């Protein structure tokens, strides 16, 4: 009997060790890079050597789905708030505040449904949290009061400003939201030569953010997530076609196996929950997304 009890104790200890080893690896920093209008159906033909190299170094899916309608403010809100529009109340392309009453009991800090930034601020009052964005509409979906620093900048300056801030402050949570390739998508068409030219430029911009992370000494303790609010078709988006809904999503950093293909369903609200999960934050009880690649 003593030998049997000893064996059981040993198995429990091994199982406990395995469970600990399998837990999602937590990091001190998360950087989210968003490319407005990055469509999965354009990925194969885009000249993006740096980004495609990241996909080899980390995890990827081409099937991250936008919530409907597949438009900007709706999906930026969803990916920062961990729920869909029927809950957070952003119902149109340019919504700037909830258009419907928030659910009873929701912790509507500053009038917003709980964002990942609010959760981070509440649990780490002294943390540095930063956002850089091209489109002015993004600021209405993040709750700027939760940020240490937020700034709008055009395409020629946004990467430089974000890079300098990352190197100087090493934020716990950073968002860099590019308003491209949405513009050439609308002007010339998703998959047009002009669209692909912009994707090539985006590749260089993203490389600049990664260079800043490395120069800040953060590379070994940072998870980077790259994705989009929605895709596009012809010269528009907002509808229910997969061309308009599907965007690539890439995750790279500690604890993420190189060459991982993400096979689980991924939707916009999962991104907020994933950022919180990687930072070891307790999620809002009102979120409905699920952490990507969680064990």
C-alpha atoms as a PDB file:
ATOM      1  CA  UNK A   1       0.000   0.000   0.000  1.00  0.00           C
ATOM      2  CA  UNK A   2       2.816   2.394   0.829  1.00  0.00           C
ATOM      3  CA  UNK A   3       4.406   1.710  -2.571  1.00  0.00           C
ATOM      4  CA  UNK A   4       1.068   2.352  -4.289  1.00  0.00           C
ATOM      5  CA  UNK A   5       0.582   5.642  -2.434  1.00  0.00           C
ATOM      6  CA  UNK A   6       4.118   6.664  -3.299  1.00  0.00           C
ATOM      7  CA  UNK A   7       3.454   5.906  -6.967  1.00  0.00           C
ATOM      8  CA  UNK A   8       0.225   7.919  -6.932  1.00  0.00           C
ATOM      9  CA  UNK A   9       2.028  10.844  -5.275  1.00  0.00           C
ATOM     10  CA  UNK A  10       4.772  10.661  -7.899  1.00  0.00           C
ATOM     11  CA  UNK A  11       2.238  10.664 -10.752  1.00  0.00           C
ATOM     12  CA  UNK A  12       0.436  13.665  -9.255  1.00  0.00           C
ATOM     13  CA  UNK A  13       3.742  15.504  -8.978  1.00  0.00           C
ATOM     14  CA  UNK A  14       4.622  14.714 -12.597  1.00  0.00           C
ATOM     15  CA  UNK A  15       1.169  15.767 -13.785  1.00  0.00           C
ATOM     16  CA  UNK A  16       1.465  19.012 -11.849  1.00  0.00           C
ATOM     17  CA  UNK A  17       4.862  19.714 -13.362  1.00  0.00           C
ATOM     18  CA  UNK A  18       3.541  18.977 -16.853  1.00  0.00           C
ATOM     19  CA  UNK A  19       0.571  21.280 -16.334  1.00  0.00           C
ATOM     20  CA  UNK A  20       2.871  24.055 -15.186  1.00  0.00           C
ATOM     21  CA  UNK A  21       5.153  23.541 -18.159  1.00  0.00           C
ATOM     22  CA  UNK A  22       2.194  23.586 -20.551  1.00  0.00           C
ATOM     23  CA  UNK A  23       0.740  26.862 -19.229  1.00  0.00           C
ATOM     24  CA  UNK A  24       0.756  29.829 -21.572  1.00  0.00           C
ATOM     25  CA  UNK A  25       4.065  31.637 -21.225  1.00  0.00           C
ATOM     26  CA  UNK A  26       3.548  35.106 -19.785  1.00  0.00           C
ATOM     27  CA  UNK A  27       5.550  38.125 -20.927  1.00  0.00           C
ATOM     28  CA  UNK A  28       6.154  41.674 -19.735  1.00  0.00           C
ATOM     29  CA  UNK A  29       5.264  43.355 -23.030  1.00  0.00           C
ATOM     30  CA  UNK A  30       2.668  42.959 -25.779  1.00  0.00           C
ATOM     31  CA  UNK A  31       2.681  44.948 -29.016  1.00  0.00           C
ATOM     32  CA  UNK A  32      -0.356  44.886 -31.291  1.00  0.00           C
ATOM     33  CA  UNK A  33       0.192  46.036 -34.891  1.00  0.00           C
ATOM     34  CA  UNK A  34      -2.990  46.607 -36.871  1.00  0.00           C
ATOM     35  CA  UNK A  35      -3.195  47.093 -40.639  1.00  0.00           C
ATOM     36  CA  UNK A  36      -6.583  48.512 -41.603  1.00  0.00           C
ATOM     37  CA  UNK A  37      -8.006  46.517 -44.513  1.00  0.00           C
ATOM     38  CA  UNK A  38      -5.385  43.737 -44.666  1.00  0.00           C
ATOM     39  CA  UNK A  39      -7.217  40.971 -46.538  1.00  0.00           C
ATOM     40  CA  UNK A  40      -6.227  37.321 -46.450  1.00  0.00           C
ATOM     41  CA  UNK A  41      -6.966  36.775 -50.127  1.00  0.00           C
ATOM     42  CA  UNK A  42      -4.174  39.224 -51.005  1.00  0.00           C
ATOM     43  CA  UNK A  43      -1.521  37.663 -48.760  1.00  0.00           C
ATOM     44  CA  UNK A  44       0.030  35.181 -51.184  1.00  0.00           C
ATOM     45  CA  UNK A  45       0.650  37.824 -53.847  1.00  0.00           C
ATOM     46  CA  UNK A  46       1.995  40.509 -51.504  1.00  0.00           C
ATOM     47  CA  UNK A  47       5.736  41.191 -51.420  1.00  0.00           C
ATOM     48  CA  UNK A  48       6.179  41.108 -47.636  1.00  0.00           C
ATOM     49  CA  UNK A  49       9.399  39.195 -46.917  1.00  0.00           C
ATOM     50  CA  UNK A  50       9.784  40.424 -43.332  1.00  0.00           C
ATOM     51  CA  UNK A  51       6.195  39.654 -42.323  1.00  0.00           C
ATOM     52  CA  UNK A  52       6.219  36.281 -44.047  1.00  0.00           C
ATOM     53  CA  UNK A  53       9.435  35.518 -42.190  1.00  0.00           C
ATOM     54  CA  UNK A  54       7.626  36.328 -38.951  1.00  0.00           C
ATOM     55  CA  UNK A  55       4.952  33.795 -39.864  1.00  0.00           C
ATOM     56  CA  UNK A  56       7.703  31.175 -40.082  1.00  0.00           C
ATOM     57  CA  UNK A  57       9.086  32.287 -36.700  1.00  0.00           C
ATOM     58  CA  UNK A  58       5.744  32.205 -34.940  1.00  0.00           C
ATOM     59  CA  UNK A  59       2.083  31.264 -35.387  1.00  0.00           C
ATOM     60  CA  UNK A  60      -0.293  32.218 -38.171  1.00  0.00           C
ATOM     61  CA  UNK A  61      -3.779  31.922 -39.565  1.00  0.00           C
ATOM     62  CA  UNK A  62      -5.370  33.390 -42.686  1.00  0.00           C
ATOM     63  CA  UNK A  63      -8.830  32.857 -41.210  1.00  0.00           C
ATOM     64  CA  UNK A  64      -9.184  35.518 -38.523  1.00  0.00           C
ATOM     65  CA  UNK A  65     -12.785  36.675 -38.957  1.00  0.00           C
ATOM     66  CA  UNK A  66     -14.138  40.167 -38.570  1.00  0.00           C
ATOM     67  CA  UNK A  67     -17.418  40.639 -36.764  1.00  0.00           C
ATOM     68  CA  UNK A  68     -20.265  41.926 -38.898  1.00  0.00           C
ATOM     69  CA  UNK A  69     -20.616  44.443 -40.384  1.00  0.00           C
ATOM     70  CA  UNK A  70     -17.003  44.149 -41.579  1.00  0.00           C
ATOM     71  CA  UNK A  71     -16.238  47.840 -41.064  1.00  0.00           C
ATOM     72  CA  UNK A  72     -13.599  49.756 -39.143  1.00  0.00           C
ATOM     73  CA  UNK A  73     -14.869  51.199 -35.835  1.00  0.00           C
ATOM     74  CA  UNK A  74     -17.025  48.116 -35.281  1.00  0.00           C
ATOM     75  CA  UNK A  75     -14.049  45.791 -35.510  1.00  0.00           C
ATOM     76  CA  UNK A  76     -11.455  47.996 -33.809  1.00  0.00           C
ATOM     77  CA  UNK A  77     -13.863  48.156 -30.873  1.00  0.00           C
ATOM     78  CA  UNK A  78     -14.416  44.404 -30.981  1.00  0.00           C
ATOM     79  CA  UNK A  79     -10.746  43.518 -30.997  1.00  0.00           C
ATOM     80  CA  UNK A  80     -10.003  45.917 -28.114  1.00  0.00           C
ATOM     81  CA  UNK A  81     -13.160  45.162 -26.076  1.00  0.00           C
ATOM     82  CA  UNK A  82     -13.366  41.385 -26.369  1.00  0.00           C
ATOM     83  CA  UNK A  83     -17.018  41.311 -27.498  1.00  0.00           C
ATOM     84  CA  UNK A  84     -19.067  41.991 -30.618  1.00  0.00           C
ATOM     85  CA  UNK A  85     -21.118  45.060 -31.603  1.00  0.00           C
ATOM     86  CA  UNK A  86     -24.327  43.716 -30.093  1.00  0.00           C
ATOM     87  CA  UNK A  87     -22.598  44.176 -26.721  1.00  0.00           C
ATOM     88  CA  UNK A  88     -20.144  47.086 -27.050  1.00  0.00           C
ATOM     89  CA  UNK A  89     -22.542  49.213 -29.115  1.00  0.00           C
ATOM     90  CA  UNK A  90     -20.268  50.352 -31.973  1.00  0.00           C
ATOM     91  CA  UNK A  91     -22.556  49.744 -34.939  1.00  0.00           C
ATOM     92  CA  UNK A  92     -21.194  51.734 -37.883  1.00  0.00           C
ATOM     93  CA  UNK A  93     -17.926  52.482 -39.691  1.00  0.00           C
ATOM     94  CA  UNK A  94     -17.326  55.747 -37.819  1.00  0.00           C
ATOM     95  CA  UNK A  95     -19.039  55.148 -34.469  1.00  0.00           C
ATOM     96  CA  UNK A  96     -17.393  57.231 -31.719  1.00  0.00           C
ATOM     97  CA  UNK A  97     -19.331  56.055 -28.648  1.00  0.00           C
ATOM     98  CA  UNK A  98     -21.786  53.263 -27.840  1.00  0.00           C
ATOM     99  CA  UNK A  99     -25.000  53.621 -29.832  1.00  0.00           C
ATOM    100  CA  UNK A 100     -27.002  51.275 -27.617  1.00  0.00           C
ATOM    101  CA  UNK A 101     -27.246  50.946 -23.848  1.00  0.00           C
ATOM    102  CA  UNK A 102     -24.459  48.791 -22.470  1.00  0.00           C
ATOM    103  CA  UNK A 103     -25.431  45.529 -20.741  1.00  0.00           C
ATOM    104  CA  UNK A 104     -26.572  45.747 -17.136  1.00  0.00           C
ATOM    105  CA  UNK A 105     -23.635  45.176 -14.804  1.00  0.00           C
ATOM    106  CA  UNK A 106     -20.935  45.841 -17.385  1.00  0.00           C
ATOM    107  CA  UNK A 107     -18.063  47.814 -15.844  1.00  0.00           C
ATOM    108  CA  UNK A 108     -18.458  50.771 -18.192  1.00  0.00           C
ATOM    109  CA  UNK A 109     -15.405  52.731 -17.069  1.00  0.00           C
ATOM    110  CA  UNK A 110     -15.326  56.202 -18.662  1.00  0.00           C
ATOM    111  CA  UNK A 111     -18.479  55.260 -20.573  1.00  0.00           C
ATOM    112  CA  UNK A 112     -16.766  52.453 -22.497  1.00  0.00           C
ATOM    113  CA  UNK A 113     -17.323  48.736 -22.409  1.00  0.00           C
ATOM    114  CA  UNK A 114     -14.187  47.249 -20.731  1.00  0.00           C
ATOM    115  CA  UNK A 115     -11.179  47.426 -23.035  1.00  0.00           C
ATOM    116  CA  UNK A 116      -7.956  45.478 -22.575  1.00  0.00           C
ATOM    117  CA  UNK A 117      -6.320  48.826 -21.813  1.00  0.00           C
ATOM    118  CA  UNK A 118      -8.738  49.560 -18.967  1.00  0.00           C
ATOM    119  CA  UNK A 119      -8.107  46.092 -17.547  1.00  0.00           C
ATOM    120  CA  UNK A 120      -4.341  46.601 -17.774  1.00  0.00           C
ATOM    121  CA  UNK A 121      -4.587  50.022 -16.112  1.00  0.00           C
ATOM    122  CA  UNK A 122      -6.764  48.745 -13.274  1.00  0.00           C
ATOM    123  CA  UNK A 123      -4.444  45.848 -12.515  1.00  0.00           C
ATOM    124  CA  UNK A 124      -1.192  47.762 -13.114  1.00  0.00           C
ATOM    125  CA  UNK A 125      -1.857  51.405 -12.213  1.00  0.00           C
ATOM    126  CA  UNK A 126       1.718  52.488 -12.967  1.00  0.00           C
ATOM    127  CA  UNK A 127       2.129  50.600 -16.245  1.00  0.00           C
ATOM    128  CA  UNK A 128       3.102  52.394 -19.421  1.00  0.00           C
ATOM    129  CA  UNK A 129       0.389  51.886 -22.059  1.00  0.00           C
ATOM    130  CA  UNK A 130       0.760  53.567 -25.456  1.00  0.00           C
ATOM    131  CA  UNK A 131      -1.106  53.892 -28.747  1.00  0.00           C
ATOM    132  CA  UNK A 132      -0.125  55.326 -32.113  1.00  0.00           C
ATOM    133  CA  UNK A 133      -2.699  55.511 -34.874  1.00  0.00           C
ATOM    134  CA  UNK A 134      -3.226  57.075 -38.292  1.00  0.00           C
ATOM    135  CA  UNK A 135      -7.014  57.115 -38.425  1.00  0.00           C
ATOM    136  CA  UNK A 136      -8.560  59.480 -35.915  1.00  0.00           C
ATOM    137  CA  UNK A 137     -11.436  57.053 -35.421  1.00  0.00           C
ATOM    138  CA  UNK A 138      -9.245  54.556 -33.560  1.00  0.00           C
ATOM    139  CA  UNK A 139      -8.970  56.830 -30.539  1.00  0.00           C
ATOM    140  CA  UNK A 140     -12.719  56.518 -29.918  1.00  0.00           C
ATOM    141  CA  UNK A 141     -12.431  52.726 -29.551  1.00  0.00           C
ATOM    142  CA  UNK A 142      -9.555  52.499 -27.063  1.00  0.00           C
ATOM    143  CA  UNK A 143     -10.572  54.738 -24.135  1.00  0.00           C
ATOM    144  CA  UNK A 144      -7.657  57.167 -24.220  1.00  0.00           C
ATOM    145  CA  UNK A 145      -8.015  57.854 -20.484  1.00  0.00           C
ATOM    146  CA  UNK A 146      -6.478  54.434 -19.845  1.00  0.00           C
ATOM    147  CA  UNK A 147      -3.293  55.378 -21.719  1.00  0.00           C
ATOM    148  CA  UNK A 148      -0.029  56.854 -20.585  1.00  0.00           C
ATOM    149  CA  UNK A 149       0.467  58.205 -24.095  1.00  0.00           C
ATOM    150  CA  UNK A 150      -1.581  58.186 -27.299  1.00  0.00           C
ATOM    151  CA  UNK A 151      -0.877  60.016 -30.505  1.00  0.00           C
ATOM    152  CA  UNK A 152      -2.211  60.372 -34.026  1.00  0.00           C
ATOM    153  CA  UNK A 153       0.423  60.488 -36.769  1.00  0.00           C
ATOM    154  CA  UNK A 154       0.493  60.187 -40.539  1.00  0.00           C
ATOM    155  CA  UNK A 155       2.094  57.294 -42.402  1.00  0.00           C
ATOM    156  CA  UNK A 156       5.422  59.072 -42.811  1.00  0.00           C
ATOM    157  CA  UNK A 157       5.813  59.529 -39.056  1.00  0.00           C
ATOM    158  CA  UNK A 158       3.839  56.900 -37.152  1.00  0.00           C
ATOM    159  CA  UNK A 159       6.505  54.191 -37.185  1.00  0.00           C
ATOM    160  CA  UNK A 160       9.242  56.579 -36.092  1.00  0.00           C
ATOM    161  CA  UNK A 161       7.150  57.981 -33.258  1.00  0.00           C
ATOM    162  CA  UNK A 162       6.138  54.533 -32.038  1.00  0.00           C
ATOM    163  CA  UNK A 163       9.707  53.244 -32.311  1.00  0.00           C
ATOM    164  CA  UNK A 164      11.162  56.113 -30.305  1.00  0.00           C
ATOM    165  CA  UNK A 165       8.534  55.692 -27.613  1.00  0.00           C
ATOM    166  CA  UNK A 166       9.119  51.959 -27.357  1.00  0.00           C
ATOM    167  CA  UNK A 167      12.862  52.465 -26.980  1.00  0.00           C
ATOM    168  CA  UNK A 168      12.469  55.215 -24.404  1.00  0.00           C
ATOM    169  CA  UNK A 169       9.669  53.779 -22.263  1.00  0.00           C
ATOM    170  CA  UNK A 170       9.392  50.007 -22.906  1.00  0.00           C
ATOM    171  CA  UNK A 171       5.571  50.017 -22.556  1.00  0.00           C
ATOM    172  CA  UNK A 172       3.771  47.042 -21.131  1.00  0.00           C
ATOM    173  CA  UNK A 173       1.131  47.328 -23.846  1.00  0.00           C
ATOM    174  CA  UNK A 174       1.509  49.117 -27.184  1.00  0.00           C
ATOM    175  CA  UNK A 175      -0.832  49.554 -30.147  1.00  0.00           C
ATOM    176  CA  UNK A 176       0.361  50.724 -33.548  1.00  0.00           C
ATOM    177  CA  UNK A 177      -2.645  51.065 -35.872  1.00  0.00           C
ATOM    178  CA  UNK A 178      -1.893  51.820 -39.517  1.00  0.00           C
ATOM    179  CA  UNK A 179      -4.726  53.153 -41.690  1.00  0.00           C
ATOM    180  CA  UNK A 180      -3.333  51.206 -44.647  1.00  0.00           C
ATOM    181  CA  UNK A 181      -3.826  49.325 -46.899  1.00  0.00           C
ATOM    182  CA  UNK A 182      -7.445  50.481 -46.663  1.00  0.00           C
ATOM    183  CA  UNK A 183      -6.813  53.600 -48.768  1.00  0.00           C
ATOM    184  CA  UNK A 184      -5.500  51.943 -51.950  1.00  0.00           C
ATOM    185  CA  UNK A 185      -8.115  49.253 -51.415  1.00  0.00           C
ATOM    186  CA  UNK A 186     -10.893  51.826 -51.704  1.00  0.00           C
ATOM    187  CA  UNK A 187      -9.173  53.894 -54.370  1.00  0.00           C
ATOM    188  CA  UNK A 188      -7.795  51.159 -56.605  1.00  0.00           C
ATOM    189  CA  UNK A 189      -9.210  47.859 -55.387  1.00  0.00           C
ATOM    190  CA  UNK A 190      -8.158  45.109 -53.001  1.00  0.00           C
ATOM    191  CA  UNK A 191      -5.372  43.194 -54.725  1.00  0.00           C
ATOM    192  CA  UNK A 192      -4.574  46.004 -57.173  1.00  0.00           C
ATOM    193  CA  UNK A 193      -0.929  46.915 -57.921  1.00  0.00           C
ATOM    194  CA  UNK A 194      -1.331  49.999 -55.734  1.00  0.00           C
ATOM    195  CA  UNK A 195      -2.651  47.860 -52.894  1.00  0.00           C
ATOM    196  CA  UNK A 196       0.310  45.496 -53.147  1.00  0.00           C
ATOM    197  CA  UNK A 197       2.718  48.444 -53.282  1.00  0.00           C
ATOM    198  CA  UNK A 198       1.288  49.583 -49.959  1.00  0.00           C
ATOM    199  CA  UNK A 199       1.618  46.102 -48.500  1.00  0.00           C
ATOM    200  CA  UNK A 200       5.298  46.144 -49.452  1.00  0.00           C
ATOM    201  CA  UNK A 201       5.665  49.440 -47.613  1.00  0.00           C
ATOM    202  CA  UNK A 202       3.794  48.014 -44.621  1.00  0.00           C
ATOM    203  CA  UNK A 203       6.382  45.250 -44.508  1.00  0.00           C
ATOM    204  CA  UNK A 204       9.112  47.860 -44.004  1.00  0.00           C
ATOM    205  CA  UNK A 205       7.065  49.744 -41.409  1.00  0.00           C
ATOM    206  CA  UNK A 206       6.529  46.576 -39.388  1.00  0.00           C
ATOM    207  CA  UNK A 207      10.237  45.778 -39.621  1.00  0.00           C
ATOM    208  CA  UNK A 208      10.862  49.207 -38.073  1.00  0.00           C
ATOM    209  CA  UNK A 209       8.696  48.373 -35.066  1.00  0.00           C
ATOM    210  CA  UNK A 210      10.531  45.088 -34.557  1.00  0.00           C
ATOM    211  CA  UNK A 211      13.871  46.873 -34.777  1.00  0.00           C
ATOM    212  CA  UNK A 212      12.732  49.208 -31.981  1.00  0.00           C
ATOM    213  CA  UNK A 213      11.671  46.245 -29.836  1.00  0.00           C
ATOM    214  CA  UNK A 214      15.109  44.703 -30.275  1.00  0.00           C
ATOM    215  CA  UNK A 215      16.956  47.975 -29.586  1.00  0.00           C
ATOM    216  CA  UNK A 216      14.848  48.442 -26.434  1.00  0.00           C
ATOM    217  CA  UNK A 217      16.079  45.062 -25.175  1.00  0.00           C
ATOM    218  CA  UNK A 218      12.491  43.749 -25.109  1.00  0.00           C
ATOM    219  CA  UNK A 219      12.675  41.038 -27.763  1.00  0.00           C
ATOM    220  CA  UNK A 220      13.037  38.125 -25.349  1.00  0.00           C
ATOM    221  CA  UNK A 221      10.006  39.191 -23.312  1.00  0.00           C
ATOM    222  CA  UNK A 222       7.536  40.543 -25.870  1.00  0.00           C
ATOM    223  CA  UNK A 223       4.676  38.977 -27.805  1.00  0.00           C
ATOM    224  CA  UNK A 224       3.745  40.776 -31.019  1.00  0.00           C
ATOM    225  CA  UNK A 225       0.359  40.283 -32.653  1.00  0.00           C
ATOM    226  CA  UNK A 226      -0.210  41.510 -36.214  1.00  0.00           C
ATOM    227  CA  UNK A 227      -3.656  41.522 -37.788  1.00  0.00           C
ATOM    228  CA  UNK A 228      -6.429  43.737 -39.131  1.00  0.00           C
ATOM    229  CA  UNK A 229      -9.916  45.009 -38.480  1.00  0.00           C
ATOM    230  CA  UNK A 230     -11.317  43.575 -41.737  1.00  0.00           C
ATOM    231  CA  UNK A 231     -10.475  42.609 -45.311  1.00  0.00           C
ATOM    232  CA  UNK A 232     -11.921  43.973 -48.534  1.00  0.00           C
ATOM    233  CA  UNK A 233     -13.354  43.132 -51.930  1.00  0.00           C
ATOM    234  CA  UNK A 234     -13.279  45.104 -55.175  1.00  0.00           C
ATOM    235  CA  UNK A 235     -13.226  48.679 -53.752  1.00  0.00           C
ATOM    236  CA  UNK A 236     -15.142  48.199 -50.533  1.00  0.00           C
ATOM    237  CA  UNK A 237     -15.921  46.248 -47.387  1.00  0.00           C
ATOM    238  CA  UNK A 238     -18.662  45.982 -44.802  1.00  0.00           C
ATOM    239  CA  UNK A 239     -20.442  42.939 -46.191  1.00  0.00           C
ATOM    240  CA  UNK A 240     -20.516  39.252 -45.252  1.00  0.00           C
ATOM    241  CA  UNK A 241     -18.223  37.824 -47.949  1.00  0.00           C
ATOM    242  CA  UNK A 242     -15.080  36.048 -46.797  1.00  0.00           C
ATOM    243  CA  UNK A 243     -12.963  38.465 -48.835  1.00  0.00           C
ATOM    244  CA  UNK A 244     -14.287  41.274 -46.635  1.00  0.00           C
ATOM    245  CA  UNK A 245     -14.174  39.304 -43.388  1.00  0.00           C
ATOM    246  CA  UNK A 246     -10.908  37.341 -43.386  1.00  0.00           C
ATOM    247  CA  UNK A 247      -7.557  38.828 -42.360  1.00  0.00           C
ATOM    248  CA  UNK A 248      -4.181  37.275 -41.609  1.00  0.00           C
ATOM    249  CA  UNK A 249      -3.120  37.033 -37.986  1.00  0.00           C
ATOM    250  CA  UNK A 250       0.467  36.422 -36.905  1.00  0.00           C
ATOM    251  CA  UNK A 251       1.777  35.975 -33.358  1.00  0.00           C
ATOM    252  CA  UNK A 252       5.457  35.828 -32.511  1.00  0.00           C
ATOM    253  CA  UNK A 253       7.324  35.806 -29.218  1.00  0.00           C
ATOM    254  CA  UNK A 254       8.255  33.667 -26.206  1.00  0.00           C
ATOM    255  CA  UNK A 255       6.254  30.482 -25.831  1.00  0.00           C
ATOM    256  CA  UNK A 256       5.007  30.496 -29.439  1.00  0.00           C
ATOM    257  CA  UNK A 257       6.395  27.621 -31.473  1.00  0.00           C
ATOM    258  CA  UNK A 258       7.877  28.595 -34.857  1.00  0.00           C
ATOM    259  CA  UNK A 259       5.831  27.413 -37.806  1.00  0.00           C
ATOM    260  CA  UNK A 260       2.612  26.999 -35.810  1.00  0.00           C
ATOM    261  CA  UNK A 261      -0.546  26.936 -37.901  1.00  0.00           C
ATOM    262  CA  UNK A 262      -3.472  28.282 -35.871  1.00  0.00           C
ATOM    263  CA  UNK A 263      -6.333  25.884 -36.537  1.00  0.00           C
ATOM    264  CA  UNK A 264      -8.812  27.095 -33.922  1.00  0.00           C
ATOM    265  CA  UNK A 265     -11.447  29.617 -34.941  1.00  0.00           C
ATOM    266  CA  UNK A 266     -10.231  33.200 -34.395  1.00  0.00           C
ATOM    267  CA  UNK A 267     -12.482  36.273 -34.375  1.00  0.00           C
ATOM    268  CA  UNK A 268     -11.833  39.945 -33.655  1.00  0.00           C
ATOM    269  CA  UNK A 269     -12.858  39.786 -29.943  1.00  0.00           C
ATOM    270  CA  UNK A 270     -10.210  37.115 -29.329  1.00  0.00           C
ATOM    271  CA  UNK A 271      -7.409  39.660 -29.738  1.00  0.00           C
ATOM    272  CA  UNK A 272      -8.128  41.648 -26.552  1.00  0.00           C
ATOM    273  CA  UNK A 273      -8.380  38.455 -24.551  1.00  0.00           C
ATOM    274  CA  UNK A 274      -5.115  37.179 -26.047  1.00  0.00           C
ATOM    275  CA  UNK A 275      -3.248  40.367 -25.160  1.00  0.00           C
ATOM    276  CA  UNK A 276      -4.484  40.101 -21.586  1.00  0.00           C
ATOM    277  CA  UNK A 277      -3.673  36.399 -21.418  1.00  0.00           C
ATOM    278  CA  UNK A 278      -0.075  36.874 -22.548  1.00  0.00           C
ATOM    279  CA  UNK A 279       0.413  39.652 -19.993  1.00  0.00           C
ATOM    280  CA  UNK A 280      -1.014  37.508 -17.195  1.00  0.00           C
ATOM    281  CA  UNK A 281      -3.956  39.869 -16.641  1.00  0.00           C
ATOM    282  CA  UNK A 282      -7.206  38.686 -15.120  1.00  0.00           C
ATOM    283  CA  UNK A 283      -9.745  38.995 -17.957  1.00  0.00           C
ATOM    284  CA  UNK A 284     -12.881  41.067 -17.693  1.00  0.00           C
ATOM    285  CA  UNK A 285     -15.799  38.788 -16.775  1.00  0.00           C
ATOM    286  CA  UNK A 286     -17.811  40.497 -19.523  1.00  0.00           C
ATOM    287  CA  UNK A 287     -15.509  39.494 -22.376  1.00  0.00           C
ATOM    288  CA  UNK A 288     -16.661  36.758 -24.724  1.00  0.00           C
ATOM    289  CA  UNK A 289     -13.505  36.255 -26.782  1.00  0.00           C
ATOM    290  CA  UNK A 290     -11.057  33.420 -26.137  1.00  0.00           C
ATOM    291  CA  UNK A 291      -7.257  33.606 -25.891  1.00  0.00           C
ATOM    292  CA  UNK A 292      -5.506  32.432 -29.046  1.00  0.00           C
ATOM    293  CA  UNK A 293      -3.114  29.484 -28.541  1.00  0.00           C
ATOM    294  CA  UNK A 294      -3.967  29.237 -24.842  1.00  0.00           C
ATOM    295  CA  UNK A 295      -3.200  25.865 -23.282  1.00  0.00           C
END
